[in-house]
Amino acid sequence: MFTNKNEVMKKEETKAAVNMIGSGTVITGDIYSKGDIRVDGTLKGSVITEGKVVVGKEGVIEGDVECSTADISGIIK
């Protein structure tokens, strides 16, 4: 009947998870996410997310990238 605004906010926060691939890490495979993704290591695969993709200065993505927004300082091949 009535909704608690705090409950709605908690549900939205769960979707907005930030996923990180740290420096020195190599991941092979595609990533699908609803949250943001930051790559400071190497991803050999595609990224599909409803959120933002950040590729750090040393980050490399070897694949396709589909996202809402992106900040690219590294390399996308």
Protein backbone atom coordinates (compact mmCIF):
# COMPACT_ATOMS: atom_id res chain seq x y z
CA MET A 1 0.00 0.00 0.00
CA PHE A 2 2.69 2.50 1.02
CA THR A 3 6.37 2.32 0.16
CA ASN A 4 9.25 3.31 2.32
CA LYS A 5 11.66 5.55 0.39
CA ASN A 6 14.62 4.00 2.23
CA GLU A 7 13.66 0.53 0.95
CA VAL A 8 13.49 1.83 -2.63
CA MET A 9 16.89 3.50 -2.27
CA LYS A 10 18.47 0.28 -0.94
CA LYS A 11 17.24 -1.64 -3.98
CA GLU A 12 18.69 0.97 -6.35
CA GLU A 13 22.05 0.95 -4.55
CA THR A 14 22.38 -2.79 -5.11
CA LYS A 15 22.27 -2.27 -8.89
CA ALA A 16 24.96 0.40 -8.77
CA ALA A 17 27.83 -1.89 -7.71
CA VAL A 18 31.32 -0.85 -8.81
CA ASN A 19 33.36 -3.72 -10.25
CA MET A 20 37.15 -3.40 -10.47
CA ILE A 21 39.87 -5.26 -12.33
CA GLY A 22 43.04 -4.28 -10.53
CA SER A 23 46.48 -3.52 -11.92
CA GLY A 24 48.42 -6.70 -12.73
CA THR A 25 45.23 -8.75 -13.14
CA VAL A 26 44.35 -10.44 -16.46
CA ILE A 27 40.82 -11.68 -17.05
CA THR A 28 39.76 -13.65 -20.13
CA GLY A 29 36.04 -13.63 -20.89
CA ASP A 30 33.10 -11.30 -21.35
CA ILE A 31 31.66 -9.21 -18.52
CA TYR A 32 27.96 -8.41 -18.20
CA SER A 33 26.93 -6.02 -15.41
CA LYS A 34 24.30 -3.52 -14.36
CA GLY A 35 26.85 -1.50 -12.37
CA ASP A 36 29.98 0.48 -13.16
CA ILE A 37 33.23 -1.21 -14.16
CA ARG A 38 36.79 0.06 -13.70
CA VAL A 39 39.67 -1.65 -15.51
CA ASP A 40 43.22 -0.99 -14.32
CA GLY A 41 44.48 -4.41 -15.44
CA THR A 42 43.76 -6.32 -18.67
CA LEU A 43 40.43 -7.67 -19.87
CA LYS A 44 40.55 -10.00 -22.89
CA GLY A 45 36.86 -9.93 -23.72
CA SER A 46 33.89 -7.64 -24.13
CA VAL A 47 32.15 -5.45 -21.56
CA ILE A 48 28.39 -4.91 -21.61
CA THR A 49 26.99 -2.77 -18.81
CA GLU A 50 24.14 -0.38 -18.09
CA GLY A 51 26.61 1.70 -16.08
CA LYS A 52 29.88 3.51 -16.70
CA VAL A 53 33.17 2.00 -17.88
CA VAL A 54 36.43 3.52 -16.65
CA VAL A 55 39.71 2.37 -18.18
CA GLY A 56 42.61 3.57 -16.04
CA LYS A 57 45.98 4.76 -17.34
CA GLU A 58 47.43 1.22 -17.35
CA GLY A 59 44.13 -0.50 -18.25
CA VAL A 60 43.56 -2.50 -21.45
CA ILE A 61 40.34 -3.91 -22.88
CA GLU A 62 40.74 -6.24 -25.86
CA GLY A 63 37.11 -6.45 -27.00
CA ASP A 64 33.89 -4.56 -27.55
CA VAL A 65 32.54 -2.08 -25.00
CA GLU A 66 28.84 -1.26 -24.60
CA CYS A 67 27.97 1.16 -21.80
CA SER A 68 26.06 4.32 -20.92
CA THR A 69 29.20 6.47 -20.44
CA ALA A 70 32.96 5.94 -20.41
CA ASP A 71 36.19 7.56 -19.21
CA ILE A 72 39.14 6.13 -21.16
CA SER A 73 42.74 6.82 -20.11
CA GLY A 74 44.13 3.43 -21.15
CA ILE A 75 43.70 1.33 -24.30
CA ILE A 76 40.72 -0.31 -26.01
CA LYS A 77 41.63 -2.67 -28.86
